C-alpha atoms as a PDB file:
ATOM      1  CA  MET A   1       9.277  22.867  49.182  1.00  0.00           C
ATOM      2  CA  ARG A   2       9.058  25.776  46.734  1.00  0.00           C
ATOM      3  CA  GLY A   3      11.770  24.183  44.569  1.00  0.00           C
ATOM      4  CA  TYR A   4       9.899  20.853  44.712  1.00  0.00           C
ATOM      5  CA  MET A   5       6.701  22.519  43.513  1.00  0.00           C
ATOM      6  CA  LYS A   6       8.574  24.179  40.667  1.00  0.00           C
ATOM      7  CA  LEU A   7       9.953  20.779  39.662  1.00  0.00           C
ATOM      8  CA  LEU A   8       6.477  19.224  39.688  1.00  0.00           C
ATOM      9  CA  LEU A   9       5.161  22.140  37.623  1.00  0.00           C
ATOM     10  CA  LEU A  10       7.968  21.701  35.122  1.00  0.00           C
ATOM     11  CA  ILE A  11       7.305  17.945  34.872  1.00  0.00           C
ATOM     12  CA  GLY A  12       3.596  18.637  34.420  1.00  0.00           C
ATOM     13  CA  LEU A  13       4.279  21.137  31.650  1.00  0.00           C
ATOM     14  CA  CYS A  14       6.608  18.686  29.916  1.00  0.00           C
ATOM     15  CA  LEU A  15       4.001  15.919  30.096  1.00  0.00           C
ATOM     16  CA  ALA A  16       1.333  18.260  28.749  1.00  0.00           C
ATOM     17  CA  PHE A  17       3.636  19.208  25.884  1.00  0.00           C
ATOM     18  CA  VAL A  18       4.329  15.551  25.098  1.00  0.00           C
ATOM     19  CA  LEU A  19       0.614  14.698  25.166  1.00  0.00           C
ATOM     20  CA  LEU A  20      -0.236  17.648  22.934  1.00  0.00           C
ATOM     21  CA  ALA A  21       2.529  16.670  20.515  1.00  0.00           C
ATOM     22  CA  LEU A  22       1.291  13.053  20.492  1.00  0.00           C
ATOM     23  CA  PHE A  23      -2.282  14.255  19.949  1.00  0.00           C
ATOM     24  CA  ALA A  24      -1.208  16.459  17.029  1.00  0.00           C
ATOM     25  CA  TRP A  25       0.832  13.610  15.516  1.00  0.00           C
ATOM     26  CA  LEU A  26      -1.989  11.048  15.692  1.00  0.00           C
ATOM     27  CA  TRP A  27      -4.877  13.381  14.789  1.00  0.00           C
ATOM     28  CA  THR A  28      -6.197  12.337  11.387  1.00  0.00           C
ATOM     29  CA  SER A  29      -8.204  14.843   9.382  1.00  0.00           C
ATOM     30  CA  ASP A  30     -10.596  14.008   6.570  1.00  0.00           C
ATOM     31  CA  LYS A  31      -9.264  14.296   3.035  1.00  0.00           C
ATOM     32  CA  PRO A  32     -10.982  16.816   0.759  1.00  0.00           C
ATOM     33  CA  ARG A  33     -13.602  15.121  -1.367  1.00  0.00           C
ATOM     34  CA  PRO A  34     -12.501  16.840  -4.614  1.00  0.00           C
ATOM     35  CA  ASP A  35      -9.009  15.387  -4.148  1.00  0.00           C
ATOM     36  CA  LEU A  36     -10.405  11.883  -3.598  1.00  0.00           C
ATOM     37  CA  GLU A  37     -12.685  12.140  -6.626  1.00  0.00           C
ATOM     38  CA  ALA A  38      -9.797  13.344  -8.776  1.00  0.00           C
ATOM     39  CA  GLN A  39      -7.927  10.148  -7.910  1.00  0.00           C
ATOM     40  CA  TYR A  40     -10.628   7.492  -7.590  1.00  0.00           C
ATOM     41  CA  LEU A  41     -13.642   8.640  -9.637  1.00  0.00           C
ATOM     42  CA  GLU A  42     -13.473   7.520 -13.274  1.00  0.00           C
ATOM     43  CA  GLN A  43     -16.248   9.825 -14.506  1.00  0.00           C
ATOM     44  CA  PRO A  44     -18.725  12.216 -12.866  1.00  0.00           C
ATOM     45  CA  SER A  45     -21.706  10.146 -14.034  1.00  0.00           C
ATOM     46  CA  ASP A  46     -20.531   7.335 -11.730  1.00  0.00           C
ATOM     47  CA  ILE A  47     -22.065   9.293  -8.823  1.00  0.00           C
ATOM     48  CA  ARG A  48     -25.778   8.479  -8.759  1.00  0.00           C
ATOM     49  CA  GLU A  49     -28.574   9.662  -6.520  1.00  0.00           C
ATOM     50  CA  VAL A  50     -30.420   6.573  -5.282  1.00  0.00           C
ATOM     51  CA  SER A  51     -33.221   6.957  -2.732  1.00  0.00           C
ATOM     52  CA  GLY A  52     -31.633  10.091  -1.334  1.00  0.00           C
ATOM     53  CA  VAL A  53     -28.073   8.733  -1.172  1.00  0.00           C
ATOM     54  CA  SER A  54     -25.194   9.670  -3.482  1.00  0.00           C
ATOM     55  CA  LEU A  55     -23.723   6.301  -4.481  1.00  0.00           C
ATOM     56  CA  HIS A  56     -20.503   5.644  -6.364  1.00  0.00           C
ATOM     57  CA  VAL A  57     -21.376   3.114  -9.071  1.00  0.00           C
ATOM     58  CA  ARG A  58     -19.402   1.547 -11.920  1.00  0.00           C
ATOM     59  CA  ASP A  59     -21.417  -0.099 -14.661  1.00  0.00           C
ATOM     60  CA  THR A  60     -19.309  -1.783 -17.348  1.00  0.00           C
ATOM     61  CA  GLY A  61     -19.615  -4.504 -19.975  1.00  0.00           C
ATOM     62  CA  PRO A  62     -22.319  -5.148 -22.580  1.00  0.00           C
ATOM     63  CA  ARG A  63     -25.725  -3.758 -21.604  1.00  0.00           C
ATOM     64  CA  ASP A  64     -27.444  -6.829 -23.031  1.00  0.00           C
ATOM     65  CA  GLY A  65     -25.196  -9.289 -21.169  1.00  0.00           C
ATOM     66  CA  PRO A  66     -26.106 -11.239 -18.029  1.00  0.00           C
ATOM     67  CA  VAL A  67     -25.883  -8.919 -15.027  1.00  0.00           C
ATOM     68  CA  VAL A  68     -23.480  -9.455 -12.153  1.00  0.00           C
ATOM     69  CA  ILE A  69     -23.557  -7.149  -9.112  1.00  0.00           C
ATOM     70  CA  LEU A  70     -20.466  -7.053  -6.870  1.00  0.00           C
ATOM     71  CA  MET A  71     -20.677  -5.934  -3.214  1.00  0.00           C
ATOM     72  CA  HIS A  72     -17.619  -5.270  -1.072  1.00  0.00           C
ATOM     73  CA  GLY A  73     -16.977  -5.852   2.622  1.00  0.00           C
ATOM     74  CA  PHE A  74     -16.570  -3.623   5.684  1.00  0.00           C
ATOM     75  CA  GLY A  75     -14.216  -0.685   5.204  1.00  0.00           C
ATOM     76  CA  SER A  76     -13.578  -1.588   1.573  1.00  0.00           C
ATOM     77  CA  SER A  77     -14.712  -0.140  -1.752  1.00  0.00           C
ATOM     78  CA  LEU A  78     -15.641  -1.178  -5.276  1.00  0.00           C
ATOM     79  CA  GLN A  79     -11.943  -1.181  -6.243  1.00  0.00           C
ATOM     80  CA  THR A  80     -11.524  -4.483  -4.393  1.00  0.00           C
ATOM     81  CA  TRP A  81     -13.276  -6.115  -7.394  1.00  0.00           C
ATOM     82  CA  GLU A  82     -11.041  -4.561 -10.073  1.00  0.00           C
ATOM     83  CA  GLY A  83      -9.471  -7.832 -11.189  1.00  0.00           C
ATOM     84  CA  TRP A  84     -12.766  -9.723 -11.278  1.00  0.00           C
ATOM     85  CA  ALA A  85     -14.610  -6.892 -13.021  1.00  0.00           C
ATOM     86  CA  ARG A  86     -12.000  -6.678 -15.765  1.00  0.00           C
ATOM     87  CA  GLY A  87     -12.114 -10.459 -16.168  1.00  0.00           C
ATOM     88  CA  LEU A  88     -15.902 -10.582 -16.511  1.00  0.00           C
ATOM     89  CA  GLU A  89     -16.899  -7.471 -18.427  1.00  0.00           C
ATOM     90  CA  ASP A  90     -16.184  -8.973 -21.872  1.00  0.00           C
ATOM     91  CA  ARG A  91     -19.371 -11.030 -21.526  1.00  0.00           C
ATOM     92  CA  PHE A  92     -21.205  -9.799 -18.443  1.00  0.00           C
ATOM     93  CA  ARG A  93     -22.686  -6.457 -17.480  1.00  0.00           C
ATOM     94  CA  VAL A  94     -20.736  -5.842 -14.283  1.00  0.00           C
ATOM     95  CA  ILE A  95     -22.173  -3.442 -11.705  1.00  0.00           C
ATOM     96  CA  ARG A  96     -20.259  -2.593  -8.550  1.00  0.00           C
ATOM     97  CA  PHE A  97     -20.934   0.140  -6.026  1.00  0.00           C
ATOM     98  CA  ASP A  98     -19.621   1.557  -2.784  1.00  0.00           C
ATOM     99  CA  LEU A  99     -21.920   0.969   0.169  1.00  0.00           C
ATOM    100  CA  PRO A 100     -23.233   4.197   1.749  1.00  0.00           C
ATOM    101  CA  GLY A 101     -20.452   5.877   3.696  1.00  0.00           C
ATOM    102  CA  SER A 102     -17.769   3.705   2.074  1.00  0.00           C
ATOM    103  CA  GLY A 103     -15.423   4.540  -0.769  1.00  0.00           C
ATOM    104  CA  LEU A 104     -16.780   7.529  -2.656  1.00  0.00           C
ATOM    105  CA  SER A 105     -20.419   6.936  -1.680  1.00  0.00           C
ATOM    106  CA  MET A 106     -21.720   9.632   0.631  1.00  0.00           C
ATOM    107  CA  PRO A 107     -23.006   8.771   4.118  1.00  0.00           C
ATOM    108  CA  ASP A 108     -26.711   7.953   4.244  1.00  0.00           C
ATOM    109  CA  PRO A 109     -28.489  11.149   5.343  1.00  0.00           C
ATOM    110  CA  THR A 110     -31.066   9.004   7.171  1.00  0.00           C
ATOM    111  CA  GLY A 111     -28.315   7.625   9.417  1.00  0.00           C
ATOM    112  CA  ASP A 112     -29.718   4.131   8.795  1.00  0.00           C
ATOM    113  CA  TYR A 113     -27.029   1.550   7.984  1.00  0.00           C
ATOM    114  CA  SER A 114     -29.071  -1.548   8.742  1.00  0.00           C
ATOM    115  CA  ASP A 115     -29.164  -4.481   6.339  1.00  0.00           C
ATOM    116  CA  SER A 116     -32.784  -3.762   5.465  1.00  0.00           C
ATOM    117  CA  ARG A 117     -31.992  -0.181   4.456  1.00  0.00           C
ATOM    118  CA  THR A 118     -29.028  -1.313   2.357  1.00  0.00           C
ATOM    119  CA  LEU A 119     -31.147  -3.957   0.606  1.00  0.00           C
ATOM    120  CA  ASP A 120     -33.754  -1.303  -0.174  1.00  0.00           C
ATOM    121  CA  LEU A 121     -30.989   0.790  -1.742  1.00  0.00           C
ATOM    122  CA  LEU A 122     -29.773  -2.207  -3.749  1.00  0.00           C
ATOM    123  CA  GLY A 123     -33.263  -2.791  -5.100  1.00  0.00           C
ATOM    124  CA  ALA A 124     -33.662   0.902  -5.945  1.00  0.00           C
ATOM    125  CA  LEU A 125     -30.298   0.910  -7.721  1.00  0.00           C
ATOM    126  CA  MET A 126     -31.308  -2.109  -9.782  1.00  0.00           C
ATOM    127  CA  ASP A 127     -34.562  -0.371 -10.705  1.00  0.00           C
ATOM    128  CA  GLN A 128     -32.730   2.796 -11.703  1.00  0.00           C
ATOM    129  CA  LEU A 129     -30.311   0.828 -13.906  1.00  0.00           C
ATOM    130  CA  GLY A 130     -33.128  -1.164 -15.518  1.00  0.00           C
ATOM    131  CA  VAL A 131     -31.996  -4.470 -14.004  1.00  0.00           C
ATOM    132  CA  ASP A 132     -34.804  -6.902 -13.208  1.00  0.00           C
ATOM    133  CA  LYS A 133     -32.564  -9.660 -11.862  1.00  0.00           C
ATOM    134  CA  ALA A 134     -28.864 -10.356 -11.438  1.00  0.00           C
ATOM    135  CA  ALA A 135     -26.268 -12.720 -10.078  1.00  0.00           C
ATOM    136  CA  LEU A 136     -25.087 -11.299  -6.758  1.00  0.00           C
ATOM    137  CA  VAL A 137     -21.468 -11.562  -5.666  1.00  0.00           C
ATOM    138  CA  GLY A 138     -20.574 -10.438  -2.157  1.00  0.00           C
ATOM    139  CA  ASN A 139     -17.523 -10.510   0.080  1.00  0.00           C
ATOM    140  CA  SER A 140     -17.792 -10.588   3.888  1.00  0.00           C
ATOM    141  CA  ILE A 141     -20.696  -8.283   4.850  1.00  0.00           C
ATOM    142  CA  GLY A 142     -21.326  -7.919   1.119  1.00  0.00           C
ATOM    143  CA  GLY A 143     -21.872 -11.677   1.137  1.00  0.00           C
ATOM    144  CA  ARG A 144     -24.364 -11.345   3.979  1.00  0.00           C
ATOM    145  CA  LEU A 145     -26.224  -8.667   2.044  1.00  0.00           C
ATOM    146  CA  ALA A 146     -26.229 -10.880  -1.060  1.00  0.00           C
ATOM    147  CA  TRP A 147     -27.772 -13.916   0.603  1.00  0.00           C
ATOM    148  CA  ARG A 148     -30.246 -11.783   2.525  1.00  0.00           C
ATOM    149  CA  MET A 149     -31.345 -10.203  -0.769  1.00  0.00           C
ATOM    150  CA  ALA A 150     -31.781 -13.668  -2.296  1.00  0.00           C
ATOM    151  CA  ALA A 151     -33.895 -14.776   0.660  1.00  0.00           C
ATOM    152  CA  ALA A 152     -36.046 -11.629   0.726  1.00  0.00           C
ATOM    153  CA  HIS A 153     -36.384 -11.094  -3.049  1.00  0.00           C
ATOM    154  CA  PRO A 154     -35.781 -14.424  -4.815  1.00  0.00           C
ATOM    155  CA  GLU A 155     -37.328 -13.085  -8.028  1.00  0.00           C
ATOM    156  CA  ARG A 156     -34.428 -10.636  -8.406  1.00  0.00           C
ATOM    157  CA  VAL A 157     -31.505 -13.053  -7.934  1.00  0.00           C
ATOM    158  CA  THR A 158     -30.291 -15.629 -10.453  1.00  0.00           C
ATOM    159  CA  LYS A 159     -27.179 -16.940  -8.683  1.00  0.00           C
ATOM    160  CA  LEU A 160     -25.055 -16.237  -5.624  1.00  0.00           C
ATOM    161  CA  VAL A 161     -21.288 -16.129  -5.228  1.00  0.00           C
ATOM    162  CA  LEU A 162     -20.519 -15.749  -1.529  1.00  0.00           C
ATOM    163  CA  VAL A 163     -16.878 -14.892  -0.839  1.00  0.00           C
ATOM    164  CA  SER A 164     -16.089 -15.544   2.838  1.00  0.00           C
ATOM    165  CA  PRO A 165     -19.611 -14.373   3.727  1.00  0.00           C
ATOM    166  CA  ASP A 166     -20.568 -12.916   7.056  1.00  0.00           C
ATOM    167  CA  GLY A 167     -23.797 -13.827   8.840  1.00  0.00           C
ATOM    168  CA  TYR A 168     -23.275 -16.408  11.570  1.00  0.00           C
ATOM    169  CA  ALA A 169     -22.793 -15.311  15.169  1.00  0.00           C
ATOM    170  CA  SER A 170     -19.233 -14.854  16.386  1.00  0.00           C
ATOM    171  CA  GLN A 171     -17.504 -13.296  19.373  1.00  0.00           C
ATOM    172  CA  GLY A 172     -19.031  -9.868  19.933  1.00  0.00           C
ATOM    173  CA  PHE A 173     -21.863 -10.440  17.456  1.00  0.00           C
ATOM    174  CA  GLU A 174     -24.908 -12.256  18.841  1.00  0.00           C
ATOM    175  CA  TYR A 175     -28.242 -12.888  17.148  1.00  0.00           C
ATOM    176  CA  GLY A 176     -30.851 -10.217  17.794  1.00  0.00           C
ATOM    177  CA  LYS A 177     -28.481  -7.885  19.617  1.00  0.00           C
ATOM    178  CA  ALA A 178     -26.461  -4.881  18.487  1.00  0.00           C
ATOM    179  CA  PRO A 179     -22.761  -5.284  19.325  1.00  0.00           C
ATOM    180  CA  ASP A 180     -20.931  -3.300  21.958  1.00  0.00           C
ATOM    181  CA  VAL A 181     -18.505  -1.239  19.881  1.00  0.00           C
ATOM    182  CA  PRO A 182     -15.220  -0.836  21.785  1.00  0.00           C
ATOM    183  CA  ALA A 183     -14.109   2.665  22.711  1.00  0.00           C
ATOM    184  CA  THR A 184     -10.949   2.099  20.710  1.00  0.00           C
ATOM    185  CA  ILE A 185     -13.087   1.762  17.556  1.00  0.00           C
ATOM    186  CA  ASN A 186     -14.851   5.026  18.356  1.00  0.00           C
ATOM    187  CA  LEU A 187     -11.473   6.752  18.550  1.00  0.00           C
ATOM    188  CA  MET A 188     -11.127   6.040  14.825  1.00  0.00           C
ATOM    189  CA  ARG A 189     -13.283   9.138  14.283  1.00  0.00           C
ATOM    190  CA  TYR A 190     -10.276  11.233  15.302  1.00  0.00           C
ATOM    191  CA  PHE A 191      -7.189   9.073  14.998  1.00  0.00           C
ATOM    192  CA  LEU A 192      -6.315   6.723  12.145  1.00  0.00           C
ATOM    193  CA  PRO A 193      -2.561   6.363  11.673  1.00  0.00           C
ATOM    194  CA  LYS A 194      -1.740   4.558   8.446  1.00  0.00           C
ATOM    195  CA  PHE A 195       0.453   1.988  10.215  1.00  0.00           C
ATOM    196  CA  LEU A 196      -2.528   0.898  12.343  1.00  0.00           C
ATOM    197  CA  LEU A 197      -4.736   0.579   9.263  1.00  0.00           C
ATOM    198  CA  LYS A 198      -2.066  -1.564   7.630  1.00  0.00           C
ATOM    199  CA  GLN A 199      -2.003  -3.860  10.661  1.00  0.00           C
ATOM    200  CA  SER A 200      -5.767  -4.306  10.381  1.00  0.00           C
ATOM    201  CA  LEU A 201      -5.462  -5.251   6.691  1.00  0.00           C
ATOM    202  CA  VAL A 202      -2.647  -7.800   7.036  1.00  0.00           C
ATOM    203  CA  PRO A 203      -4.907 -10.577   8.478  1.00  0.00           C
ATOM    204  CA  ALA A 204      -7.152 -10.293   5.393  1.00  0.00           C
ATOM    205  CA  TYR A 205      -4.364 -11.651   3.195  1.00  0.00           C
ATOM    206  CA  GLY A 206      -3.118 -15.217   3.089  1.00  0.00           C
ATOM    207  CA  ASP A 207       0.240 -13.874   1.927  1.00  0.00           C
ATOM    208  CA  PRO A 208       0.872 -10.418   3.455  1.00  0.00           C
ATOM    209  CA  ASP A 209       3.560  -9.749   0.838  1.00  0.00           C
ATOM    210  CA  ARG A 210       0.715  -9.370  -1.678  1.00  0.00           C
ATOM    211  CA  LEU A 211      -0.657  -6.396   0.270  1.00  0.00           C
ATOM    212  CA  THR A 212       0.895  -3.622  -1.798  1.00  0.00           C
ATOM    213  CA  PRO A 213       1.605  -0.032  -0.690  1.00  0.00           C
ATOM    214  CA  ASP A 214      -0.859   1.189  -3.336  1.00  0.00           C
ATOM    215  CA  THR A 215      -3.622  -0.993  -1.882  1.00  0.00           C
ATOM    216  CA  ILE A 216      -2.909   0.246   1.648  1.00  0.00           C
ATOM    217  CA  GLN A 217      -2.936   3.835   0.407  1.00  0.00           C
ATOM    218  CA  ARG A 218      -6.273   3.330  -1.345  1.00  0.00           C
ATOM    219  CA  TYR A 219      -7.916   1.923   1.792  1.00  0.00           C
ATOM    220  CA  TYR A 220      -6.430   4.749   3.838  1.00  0.00           C
ATOM    221  CA  ASP A 221      -7.479   7.517   1.450  1.00  0.00           C
ATOM    222  CA  LEU A 222     -11.069   6.330   1.103  1.00  0.00           C
ATOM    223  CA  MET A 223     -11.540   5.766   4.822  1.00  0.00           C
ATOM    224  CA  LEU A 224     -10.644   9.440   5.228  1.00  0.00           C
ATOM    225  CA  ALA A 225     -13.474  10.569   2.937  1.00  0.00           C
ATOM    226  CA  PRO A 226     -15.649  13.088   4.799  1.00  0.00           C
ATOM    227  CA  GLY A 227     -18.111  11.222   7.016  1.00  0.00           C
ATOM    228  CA  SER A 228     -16.758   7.786   6.146  1.00  0.00           C
ATOM    229  CA  ARG A 229     -15.375   6.858   9.558  1.00  0.00           C
ATOM    230  CA  GLU A 230     -18.552   7.969  11.290  1.00  0.00           C
ATOM    231  CA  ALA A 231     -20.630   5.913   8.846  1.00  0.00           C
ATOM    232  CA  LEU A 232     -18.470   2.812   9.340  1.00  0.00           C
ATOM    233  CA  ILE A 233     -18.910   3.042  13.095  1.00  0.00           C
ATOM    234  CA  HIS A 234     -22.672   3.486  12.708  1.00  0.00           C
ATOM    235  CA  ARG A 235     -22.837   0.455  10.405  1.00  0.00           C
ATOM    236  CA  MET A 236     -21.057  -1.607  13.046  1.00  0.00           C
ATOM    237  CA  GLU A 237     -23.297  -0.271  15.827  1.00  0.00           C
ATOM    238  CA  GLN A 238     -26.427  -1.086  13.819  1.00  0.00           C
ATOM    239  CA  THR A 239     -25.440  -4.602  12.785  1.00  0.00           C
ATOM    240  CA  VAL A 240     -28.042  -6.905  14.309  1.00  0.00           C
ATOM    241  CA  LEU A 241     -27.566 -10.465  13.096  1.00  0.00           C
ATOM    242  CA  VAL A 242     -30.488 -12.835  12.668  1.00  0.00           C
ATOM    243  CA  ASP A 243     -30.309 -16.618  12.696  1.00  0.00           C
ATOM    244  CA  PRO A 244     -29.223 -17.322   9.088  1.00  0.00           C
ATOM    245  CA  ASN A 245     -30.533 -20.874   8.826  1.00  0.00           C
ATOM    246  CA  PRO A 246     -34.259 -20.177   8.163  1.00  0.00           C
ATOM    247  CA  LEU A 247     -33.345 -17.551   5.558  1.00  0.00           C
ATOM    248  CA  LEU A 248     -30.640 -19.600   3.845  1.00  0.00           C
ATOM    249  CA  ALA A 249     -32.985 -22.578   3.617  1.00  0.00           C
ATOM    250  CA  LYS A 250     -35.293 -20.480   1.414  1.00  0.00           C
ATOM    251  CA  ILE A 251     -32.612 -19.901  -1.226  1.00  0.00           C
ATOM    252  CA  GLU A 252     -33.061 -22.160  -4.226  1.00  0.00           C
ATOM    253  CA  VAL A 253     -30.719 -20.536  -6.753  1.00  0.00           C
ATOM    254  CA  PRO A 254     -27.252 -22.039  -7.317  1.00  0.00           C
ATOM    255  CA  VAL A 255     -24.713 -20.847  -4.744  1.00  0.00           C
ATOM    256  CA  LEU A 256     -20.926 -20.907  -5.010  1.00  0.00           C
ATOM    257  CA  LEU A 257     -19.101 -20.442  -1.706  1.00  0.00           C
ATOM    258  CA  VAL A 258     -15.586 -19.066  -2.250  1.00  0.00           C
ATOM    259  CA  TRP A 259     -13.166 -19.275   0.645  1.00  0.00           C
ATOM    260  CA  GLY A 260      -9.474 -18.656   1.146  1.00  0.00           C
ATOM    261  CA  VAL A 261      -8.060 -21.534   3.175  1.00  0.00           C
ATOM    262  CA  GLN A 262      -5.873 -19.052   5.098  1.00  0.00           C
ATOM    263  CA  ASP A 263      -8.780 -16.720   5.945  1.00  0.00           C
ATOM    264  CA  ALA A 264      -7.976 -15.404   9.441  1.00  0.00           C
ATOM    265  CA  MET A 265     -11.095 -13.230   9.698  1.00  0.00           C
ATOM    266  CA  ILE A 266     -13.956 -15.609   8.873  1.00  0.00           C
ATOM    267  CA  PRO A 267     -12.467 -19.127   8.903  1.00  0.00           C
ATOM    268  CA  ILE A 268     -13.203 -21.616   6.141  1.00  0.00           C
ATOM    269  CA  SER A 269     -14.752 -23.929   8.744  1.00  0.00           C
ATOM    270  CA  ASN A 270     -17.802 -21.620   8.530  1.00  0.00           C
ATOM    271  CA  ALA A 271     -18.439 -22.944   5.030  1.00  0.00           C
ATOM    272  CA  ALA A 272     -19.844 -26.138   6.536  1.00  0.00           C
ATOM    273  CA  ASP A 273     -22.540 -24.104   8.315  1.00  0.00           C
ATOM    274  CA  TYR A 274     -23.703 -22.689   4.983  1.00  0.00           C
ATOM    275  CA  GLN A 275     -23.551 -25.975   3.131  1.00  0.00           C
ATOM    276  CA  ARG A 276     -25.679 -27.687   5.763  1.00  0.00           C
ATOM    277  CA  VAL A 277     -28.650 -25.446   4.975  1.00  0.00           C
ATOM    278  CA  LEU A 278     -28.140 -24.212   1.399  1.00  0.00           C
ATOM    279  CA  PRO A 279     -29.862 -26.799  -0.799  1.00  0.00           C
ATOM    280  CA  ASN A 280     -27.933 -25.989  -3.990  1.00  0.00           C
ATOM    281  CA  SER A 281     -24.388 -24.993  -3.025  1.00  0.00           C
ATOM    282  CA  SER A 282     -20.775 -25.927  -3.717  1.00  0.00           C
ATOM    283  CA  LEU A 283     -17.498 -24.805  -2.180  1.00  0.00           C
ATOM    284  CA  LEU A 284     -14.424 -23.416  -3.914  1.00  0.00           C
ATOM    285  CA  ARG A 285     -11.388 -23.706  -1.629  1.00  0.00           C
ATOM    286  CA  LEU A 286      -8.501 -21.375  -2.484  1.00  0.00           C
ATOM    287  CA  ASP A 287      -5.181 -22.526  -1.070  1.00  0.00           C
ATOM    288  CA  GLY A 288      -2.828 -19.823   0.144  1.00  0.00           C
ATOM    289  CA  LEU A 289      -5.415 -17.045   0.047  1.00  0.00           C
ATOM    290  CA  GLY A 290      -7.191 -15.140   2.778  1.00  0.00           C
ATOM    291  CA  HIS A 291     -10.353 -13.119   3.334  1.00  0.00           C
ATOM    292  CA  VAL A 292     -10.291 -11.077   0.113  1.00  0.00           C
ATOM    293  CA  PRO A 293      -9.210 -13.540  -2.618  1.00  0.00           C
ATOM    294  CA  GLN A 294     -10.682 -11.322  -5.340  1.00  0.00           C
ATOM    295  CA  GLU A 295      -8.206  -8.614  -4.329  1.00  0.00           C
ATOM    296  CA  GLU A 296      -5.269 -10.741  -3.256  1.00  0.00           C
ATOM    297  CA  ALA A 297      -5.083 -12.987  -6.341  1.00  0.00           C
ATOM    298  CA  PRO A 298      -7.800 -12.399  -8.973  1.00  0.00           C
ATOM    299  CA  GLU A 299      -5.981 -14.566 -11.496  1.00  0.00           C
ATOM    300  CA  GLN A 300      -6.246 -17.525  -9.102  1.00  0.00           C
ATOM    301  CA  SER A 301      -9.714 -16.879  -7.686  1.00  0.00           C
ATOM    302  CA  LEU A 302     -11.730 -15.785 -10.732  1.00  0.00           C
ATOM    303  CA  PRO A 303     -11.582 -18.664 -13.289  1.00  0.00           C
ATOM    304  CA  SER A 304     -13.822 -21.088 -11.373  1.00  0.00           C
ATOM    305  CA  VAL A 305     -16.168 -18.232 -10.461  1.00  0.00           C
ATOM    306  CA  ARG A 306     -16.520 -17.313 -14.121  1.00  0.00           C
ATOM    307  CA  VAL A 307     -17.295 -20.928 -15.054  1.00  0.00           C
ATOM    308  CA  PHE A 308     -20.012 -20.951 -12.385  1.00  0.00           C
ATOM    309  CA  LEU A 309     -21.517 -17.693 -13.653  1.00  0.00           C
ATOM    310  CA  GLU A 310     -21.491 -18.925 -17.245  1.00  0.00           C
ATOM    311  CA  GLN A 311     -23.372 -22.128 -16.475  1.00  0.00           C
ATOM    312  CA  GLU A 312     -26.993 -22.118 -17.654  1.00  0.00           C
END
């Protein structure tokens, strides 16, 4: 019996060692902010204090040109628009920013990541930059924020480009109810192996071969900014969808819906829901592309968008 107990103790110690080793291997620390800024911040003046939040903002192109504001999706950053920004800034004033707690933007000290708070920040940013009105371009939740801004403040929006926009109810996201965030998502606070992040990014691309190591590294680095993972979880926990139809029906400005046919995250079939209620909309279908066509293939996705933005 004594030998049996010693064996059990030895097995227990071995299991504890294995679990500790696995814990140490998977534990993912934040990256120092100075290191991230050295790599991803173009100039110190791109960090702006807006309504108590330090936002990372890039403002390029002619100051007297028509203004276009680009808003990224969940877990992304302003770099997702690099190809589109470079293709527009010869004529347009292009403003893009990281949502609070994303990219190089600091977490919101209020802890409020609701749509209404984010729209208040967008309006305050426009005021600070001297922008009365702009064309809004948004991808995924950035698309939801764009059309909600157009519905709430029509005087500030000239056009909408909605790239695979979020907003309609789906599994796990009901109208008027905060979602139940799975425990596995909460573990992201402590564990975020790069291979798991890569697996979460692959469905966003129509052609996974276009998902480059540099792009994966950028997503990984910026998600490890101090406070970023906590903020992303809070944004998910605080997402309370409202029935889009009454709000969308108020929007009178021209709307271009942009959708990758191979979008595995928000399917192109959702475009019909938007077109049923948006009185002045058209759909750009992008064969072979997925949820982030602006990132996956800017040379394919931008030309028709630019034509739309240039139309009087």
